[in-house]
Amino acid sequence: MQKILEAMKDAEERAWEALSGYKFWMFGYHAARWVNYNRLLDKPLQNPFRELVMVARRKVDGVNVDS
């Protein structure tokens, strides 16, 4: 289980680094890695990308995310 948690930490760090560098394809790859590792845990952790997904959903729904 420790190896899974280490892999999840690596995946999360690389996902955020990719996103901060406008490397959207790589963000998706590493975020998907995190999600797949999370599925291996007996008690899944909260997704660190949830807030980002919520911003995207509000944007799709036409809600101004800046206010």
PDB file of N, CA and C in Angstrom:
ATOM      1  N   MET A   1       0.829  -1.199   0.000  1.00  0.00           N
ATOM      2  CA  MET A   1       0.000   0.000   0.000  1.00  0.00           C
ATOM      3  C   MET A   1       0.868   1.256   0.000  1.00  0.00           C
ATOM      4  N   GLN A   2       2.023   1.195   0.641  1.00  0.00           N
ATOM      5  CA  GLN A   2       2.918   2.355   0.682  1.00  0.00           C
ATOM      6  C   GLN A   2       3.365   2.731  -0.726  1.00  0.00           C
ATOM      7  N   LYS A   3       3.622   1.735  -1.566  1.00  0.00           N
ATOM      8  CA  LYS A   3       4.050   2.021  -2.942  1.00  0.00           C
ATOM      9  C   LYS A   3       2.933   2.710  -3.732  1.00  0.00           C
ATOM     10  N   ILE A   4       1.703   2.317  -3.473  1.00  0.00           N
ATOM     11  CA  ILE A   4       0.573   2.962  -4.149  1.00  0.00           C
ATOM     12  C   ILE A   4       0.489   4.425  -3.726  1.00  0.00           C
ATOM     13  N   LEU A   5       0.618   4.693  -2.436  1.00  0.00           N
ATOM     14  CA  LEU A   5       0.553   6.077  -1.945  1.00  0.00           C
ATOM     15  C   LEU A   5       1.699   6.919  -2.497  1.00  0.00           C
ATOM     16  N   GLU A   6       2.877   6.338  -2.616  1.00  0.00           N
ATOM     17  CA  GLU A   6       4.014   7.053  -3.207  1.00  0.00           C
ATOM     18  C   GLU A   6       3.750   7.354  -4.681  1.00  0.00           C
ATOM     19  N   ALA A   7       3.186   6.381  -5.394  1.00  0.00           N
ATOM     20  CA  ALA A   7       2.861   6.587  -6.806  1.00  0.00           C
ATOM     21  C   ALA A   7       1.785   7.657  -6.962  1.00  0.00           C
ATOM     22  N   MET A   8       0.837   7.682  -6.023  1.00  0.00           N
ATOM     23  CA  MET A   8      -0.219   8.701  -6.075  1.00  0.00           C
ATOM     24  C   MET A   8       0.362  10.087  -5.846  1.00  0.00           C
ATOM     25  N   LYS A   9       1.285  10.194  -4.904  1.00  0.00           N
ATOM     26  CA  LYS A   9       1.919  11.483  -4.638  1.00  0.00           C
ATOM     27  C   LYS A   9       2.675  11.962  -5.869  1.00  0.00           C
ATOM     28  N   ASP A  10       3.417  11.067  -6.497  1.00  0.00           N
ATOM     29  CA  ASP A  10       4.152  11.406  -7.709  1.00  0.00           C
ATOM     30  C   ASP A  10       3.197  11.847  -8.821  1.00  0.00           C
ATOM     31  N   ALA A  11       2.114  11.098  -8.999  1.00  0.00           N
ATOM     32  CA  ALA A  11       1.143  11.417 -10.046  1.00  0.00           C
ATOM     33  C   ALA A  11       0.510  12.787  -9.810  1.00  0.00           C
ATOM     34  N   GLU A  12       0.167  13.081  -8.556  1.00  0.00           N
ATOM     35  CA  GLU A  12      -0.443  14.380  -8.252  1.00  0.00           C
ATOM     36  C   GLU A  12       0.532  15.520  -8.517  1.00  0.00           C
ATOM     37  N   GLU A  13       1.766  15.370  -8.048  1.00  0.00           N
ATOM     38  CA  GLU A  13       2.763  16.427  -8.262  1.00  0.00           C
ATOM     39  C   GLU A  13       3.003  16.667  -9.749  1.00  0.00           C
ATOM     40  N   ARG A  14       3.128  15.593 -10.506  1.00  0.00           N
ATOM     41  CA  ARG A  14       3.373  15.736 -11.949  1.00  0.00           C
ATOM     42  C   ARG A  14       2.159  16.333 -12.670  1.00  0.00           C
ATOM     43  N   ALA A  15       0.962  15.996 -12.199  1.00  0.00           N
ATOM     44  CA  ALA A  15      -0.247  16.560 -12.815  1.00  0.00           C
ATOM     45  C   ALA A  15      -0.285  18.072 -12.622  1.00  0.00           C
ATOM     46  N   TRP A  16      -0.048  18.532 -11.389  1.00  0.00           N
ATOM     47  CA  TRP A  16      -0.072  19.967 -11.125  1.00  0.00           C
ATOM     48  C   TRP A  16       1.045  20.681 -11.886  1.00  0.00           C
ATOM     49  N   GLU A  17       2.224  20.083 -11.946  1.00  0.00           N
ATOM     50  CA  GLU A  17       3.329  20.683 -12.705  1.00  0.00           C
ATOM     51  C   GLU A  17       2.965  20.811 -14.177  1.00  0.00           C
ATOM     52  N   ALA A  18       2.350  19.767 -14.734  1.00  0.00           N
ATOM     53  CA  ALA A  18       1.954  19.793 -16.134  1.00  0.00           C
ATOM     54  C   ALA A  18       0.919  20.886 -16.386  1.00  0.00           C
ATOM     55  N   LEU A  19      -0.071  20.977 -15.513  1.00  0.00           N
ATOM     56  CA  LEU A  19      -1.110  21.988 -15.687  1.00  0.00           C
ATOM     57  C   LEU A  19      -0.529  23.388 -15.586  1.00  0.00           C
ATOM     58  N   SER A  20       0.387  23.587 -14.662  1.00  0.00           N
ATOM     59  CA  SER A  20       0.979  24.918 -14.502  1.00  0.00           C
ATOM     60  C   SER A  20       1.831  25.312 -15.712  1.00  0.00           C
ATOM     61  N   GLY A  21       2.233  24.320 -16.497  1.00  0.00           N
ATOM     62  CA  GLY A  21       3.019  24.601 -17.696  1.00  0.00           C
ATOM     63  C   GLY A  21       2.190  24.521 -18.973  1.00  0.00           C
ATOM     64  N   TYR A  22       0.875  24.579 -18.860  1.00  0.00           N
ATOM     65  CA  TYR A  22      -0.040  24.500 -19.996  1.00  0.00           C
ATOM     66  C   TYR A  22       0.120  23.204 -20.782  1.00  0.00           C
ATOM     67  N   LYS A  23       0.539  22.144 -20.111  1.00  0.00           N
ATOM     68  CA  LYS A  23       0.682  20.836 -20.752  1.00  0.00           C
ATOM     69  C   LYS A  23      -0.547  20.012 -20.374  1.00  0.00           C
ATOM     70  N   PHE A  24      -1.651  20.346 -21.024  1.00  0.00           N
ATOM     71  CA  PHE A  24      -2.941  19.772 -20.656  1.00  0.00           C
ATOM     72  C   PHE A  24      -2.998  18.266 -20.886  1.00  0.00           C
ATOM     73  N   TRP A  25      -2.380  17.793 -21.948  1.00  0.00           N
ATOM     74  CA  TRP A  25      -2.372  16.365 -22.251  1.00  0.00           C
ATOM     75  C   TRP A  25      -1.694  15.600 -21.117  1.00  0.00           C
ATOM     76  N   MET A  26      -0.558  16.105 -20.665  1.00  0.00           N
ATOM     77  CA  MET A  26       0.174  15.433 -19.595  1.00  0.00           C
ATOM     78  C   MET A  26      -0.557  15.567 -18.257  1.00  0.00           C
ATOM     79  N   PHE A  27      -1.243  16.694 -18.052  1.00  0.00           N
ATOM     80  CA  PHE A  27      -2.059  16.816 -16.843  1.00  0.00           C
ATOM     81  C   PHE A  27      -3.078  15.685 -16.801  1.00  0.00           C
ATOM     82  N   GLY A  28      -3.774  15.481 -17.899  1.00  0.00           N
ATOM     83  CA  GLY A  28      -4.784  14.427 -17.961  1.00  0.00           C
ATOM     84  C   GLY A  28      -4.195  13.050 -17.716  1.00  0.00           C
ATOM     85  N   TYR A  29      -3.018  12.815 -18.259  1.00  0.00           N
ATOM     86  CA  TYR A  29      -2.363  11.522 -18.078  1.00  0.00           C
ATOM     87  C   TYR A  29      -2.062  11.271 -16.600  1.00  0.00           C
ATOM     88  N   HIS A  30      -1.434  12.244 -15.957  1.00  0.00           N
ATOM     89  CA  HIS A  30      -1.045  12.059 -14.559  1.00  0.00           C
ATOM     90  C   HIS A  30      -2.255  12.086 -13.617  1.00  0.00           C
ATOM     91  N   ALA A  31      -3.255  12.893 -13.911  1.00  0.00           N
ATOM     92  CA  ALA A  31      -4.474  12.899 -13.099  1.00  0.00           C
ATOM     93  C   ALA A  31      -5.172  11.538 -13.201  1.00  0.00           C
ATOM     94  N   ALA A  32      -5.187  10.964 -14.386  1.00  0.00           N
ATOM     95  CA  ALA A  32      -5.791   9.637 -14.566  1.00  0.00           C
ATOM     96  C   ALA A  32      -4.993   8.573 -13.810  1.00  0.00           C
ATOM     97  N   ARG A  33      -3.684   8.709 -13.773  1.00  0.00           N
ATOM     98  CA  ARG A  33      -2.854   7.793 -12.975  1.00  0.00           C
ATOM     99  C   ARG A  33      -3.301   7.836 -11.517  1.00  0.00           C
ATOM    100  N   TRP A  34      -3.464   9.078 -11.004  1.00  0.00           N
ATOM    101  CA  TRP A  34      -3.864   9.236  -9.599  1.00  0.00           C
ATOM    102  C   TRP A  34      -5.208   8.546  -9.353  1.00  0.00           C
ATOM    103  N   VAL A  35      -6.163   8.778 -10.232  1.00  0.00           N
ATOM    104  CA  VAL A  35      -7.498   8.194 -10.076  1.00  0.00           C
ATOM    105  C   VAL A  35      -7.424   6.663 -10.097  1.00  0.00           C
ATOM    106  N   ASN A  36      -6.646   6.113 -11.003  1.00  0.00           N
ATOM    107  CA  ASN A  36      -6.540   4.658 -11.082  1.00  0.00           C
ATOM    108  C   ASN A  36      -5.860   4.066  -9.857  1.00  0.00           C
ATOM    109  N   TYR A  37      -4.815   4.710  -9.355  1.00  0.00           N
ATOM    110  CA  TYR A  37      -4.190   4.237  -8.118  1.00  0.00           C
ATOM    111  C   TYR A  37      -5.178   4.317  -6.955  1.00  0.00           C
ATOM    112  N   ASN A  38      -5.963   5.377  -6.910  1.00  0.00           N
ATOM    113  CA  ASN A  38      -6.932   5.566  -5.822  1.00  0.00           C
ATOM    114  C   ASN A  38      -7.945   4.422  -5.786  1.00  0.00           C
ATOM    115  N   ARG A  39      -8.267   3.892  -6.937  1.00  0.00           N
ATOM    116  CA  ARG A  39      -9.222   2.778  -7.012  1.00  0.00           C
ATOM    117  C   ARG A  39      -8.666   1.501  -6.382  1.00  0.00           C
ATOM    118  N   LEU A  40      -7.354   1.437  -6.226  1.00  0.00           N
ATOM    119  CA  LEU A  40      -6.734   0.250  -5.633  1.00  0.00           C
ATOM    120  C   LEU A  40      -6.785   0.249  -4.105  1.00  0.00           C
ATOM    121  N   LEU A  41      -7.077   1.396  -3.529  1.00  0.00           N
ATOM    122  CA  LEU A  41      -7.091   1.514  -2.072  1.00  0.00           C
ATOM    123  C   LEU A  41      -8.391   0.975  -1.487  1.00  0.00           C
ATOM    124  N   ASP A  42      -8.291   0.411  -0.273  1.00  0.00           N
ATOM    125  CA  ASP A  42      -9.495  -0.064   0.417  1.00  0.00           C
ATOM    126  C   ASP A  42     -10.414   1.101   0.767  1.00  0.00           C
ATOM    127  N   LYS A  43      -9.808   2.209   1.199  1.00  0.00           N
ATOM    128  CA  LYS A  43     -10.566   3.418   1.515  1.00  0.00           C
ATOM    129  C   LYS A  43     -10.007   4.549   0.632  1.00  0.00           C
ATOM    130  N   PRO A  44     -10.677   4.846  -0.490  1.00  0.00           N
ATOM    131  CA  PRO A  44     -10.162   5.863  -1.413  1.00  0.00           C
ATOM    132  C   PRO A  44     -10.012   7.234  -0.758  1.00  0.00           C
ATOM    133  N   LEU A  45      -9.023   7.975  -1.215  1.00  0.00           N
ATOM    134  CA  LEU A  45      -8.770   9.330  -0.740  1.00  0.00           C
ATOM    135  C   LEU A  45      -9.596  10.321  -1.545  1.00  0.00           C
ATOM    136  N   GLN A  46      -9.751  11.519  -0.990  1.00  0.00           N
ATOM    137  CA  GLN A  46     -10.474  12.558  -1.713  1.00  0.00           C
ATOM    138  C   GLN A  46      -9.633  13.011  -2.903  1.00  0.00           C
ATOM    139  N   ASN A  47     -10.270  13.163  -4.022  1.00  0.00           N
ATOM    140  CA  ASN A  47      -9.585  13.547  -5.253  1.00  0.00           C
ATOM    141  C   ASN A  47      -9.032  14.967  -5.135  1.00  0.00           C
ATOM    142  N   PRO A  48      -7.719  15.145  -5.324  1.00  0.00           N
ATOM    143  CA  PRO A  48      -7.131  16.481  -5.210  1.00  0.00           C
ATOM    144  C   PRO A  48      -7.508  17.401  -6.370  1.00  0.00           C
ATOM    145  N   PHE A  49      -8.115  16.853  -7.405  1.00  0.00           N
ATOM    146  CA  PHE A  49      -8.495  17.634  -8.580  1.00  0.00           C
ATOM    147  C   PHE A  49      -9.984  17.992  -8.578  1.00  0.00           C
ATOM    148  N   ARG A  50     -10.677  17.648  -7.494  1.00  0.00           N
ATOM    149  CA  ARG A  50     -12.127  17.887  -7.407  1.00  0.00           C
ATOM    150  C   ARG A  50     -12.477  19.356  -7.578  1.00  0.00           C
ATOM    151  N   GLU A  51     -11.761  20.232  -6.911  1.00  0.00           N
ATOM    152  CA  GLU A  51     -12.064  21.657  -7.005  1.00  0.00           C
ATOM    153  C   GLU A  51     -11.900  22.153  -8.443  1.00  0.00           C
ATOM    154  N   LEU A  52     -10.886  21.671  -9.111  1.00  0.00           N
ATOM    155  CA  LEU A  52     -10.658  22.051 -10.504  1.00  0.00           C
ATOM    156  C   LEU A  52     -11.801  21.564 -11.395  1.00  0.00           C
ATOM    157  N   VAL A  53     -12.279  20.363 -11.135  1.00  0.00           N
ATOM    158  CA  VAL A  53     -13.405  19.817 -11.890  1.00  0.00           C
ATOM    159  C   VAL A  53     -14.666  20.650 -11.637  1.00  0.00           C
ATOM    160  N   MET A  54     -14.868  21.074 -10.402  1.00  0.00           N
ATOM    161  CA  MET A  54     -16.044  21.888 -10.086  1.00  0.00           C
ATOM    162  C   MET A  54     -15.998  23.228 -10.810  1.00  0.00           C
ATOM    163  N   VAL A  55     -14.820  23.835 -10.910  1.00  0.00           N
ATOM    164  CA  VAL A  55     -14.672  25.084 -11.663  1.00  0.00           C
ATOM    165  C   VAL A  55     -15.045  24.840 -13.125  1.00  0.00           C
ATOM    166  N   ALA A  56     -14.557  23.745 -13.678  1.00  0.00           N
ATOM    167  CA  ALA A  56     -14.862  23.426 -15.075  1.00  0.00           C
ATOM    168  C   ALA A  56     -16.363  23.215 -15.287  1.00  0.00           C
ATOM    169  N   ARG A  57     -17.014  22.542 -14.350  1.00  0.00           N
ATOM    170  CA  ARG A  57     -18.460  22.305 -14.478  1.00  0.00           C
ATOM    171  C   ARG A  57     -19.242  23.615 -14.422  1.00  0.00           C
ATOM    172  N   ARG A  58     -18.824  24.512 -13.526  1.00  0.00           N
ATOM    173  CA  ARG A  58     -19.505  25.815 -13.451  1.00  0.00           C
ATOM    174  C   ARG A  58     -19.303  26.586 -14.754  1.00  0.00           C
ATOM    175  N   LYS A  59     -18.125  26.489 -15.318  1.00  0.00           N
ATOM    176  CA  LYS A  59     -17.830  27.174 -16.580  1.00  0.00           C
ATOM    177  C   LYS A  59     -18.724  26.618 -17.697  1.00  0.00           C
ATOM    178  N   VAL A  60     -18.873  25.307 -17.745  1.00  0.00           N
ATOM    179  CA  VAL A  60     -19.720  24.672 -18.751  1.00  0.00           C
ATOM    180  C   VAL A  60     -21.166  25.086 -18.566  1.00  0.00           C
ATOM    181  N   ASP A  61     -21.593  25.222 -17.313  1.00  0.00           N
ATOM    182  CA  ASP A  61     -22.971  25.618 -17.011  1.00  0.00           C
ATOM    183  C   ASP A  61     -23.219  27.111 -17.225  1.00  0.00           C
ATOM    184  N   GLY A  62     -22.166  27.847 -17.569  1.00  0.00           N
ATOM    185  CA  GLY A  62     -22.324  29.264 -17.831  1.00  0.00           C
ATOM    186  C   GLY A  62     -22.282  30.129 -16.605  1.00  0.00           C
ATOM    187  N   VAL A  63     -21.823  29.586 -15.502  1.00  0.00           N
ATOM    188  CA  VAL A  63     -21.717  30.369 -14.262  1.00  0.00           C
ATOM    189  C   VAL A  63     -20.384  31.086 -14.281  1.00  0.00           C
ATOM    190  N   ASN A  64     -20.407  32.363 -13.906  1.00  0.00           N
ATOM    191  CA  ASN A  64     -19.172  33.144 -13.847  1.00  0.00           C
ATOM    192  C   ASN A  64     -18.341  32.656 -12.676  1.00  0.00           C
ATOM    193  N   VAL A  65     -17.198  32.042 -12.952  1.00  0.00           N
ATOM    194  CA  VAL A  65     -16.374  31.478 -11.893  1.00  0.00           C
ATOM    195  C   VAL A  65     -15.500  32.539 -11.215  1.00  0.00           C
ATOM    196  N   ASP A  66     -15.437  33.728 -11.766  1.00  0.00           N
ATOM    197  CA  ASP A  66     -14.613  34.791 -11.185  1.00  0.00           C
ATOM    198  C   ASP A  66     -15.288  35.498 -10.033  1.00  0.00           C
ATOM    199  N   SER A  67     -16.596  35.346  -9.881  1.00  0.00           N
ATOM    200  CA  SER A  67     -17.275  36.056  -8.801  1.00  0.00           C
ATOM    201  C   SER A  67     -17.638  35.152  -7.665  1.00  0.00           C
TER     202      SER A  67
END
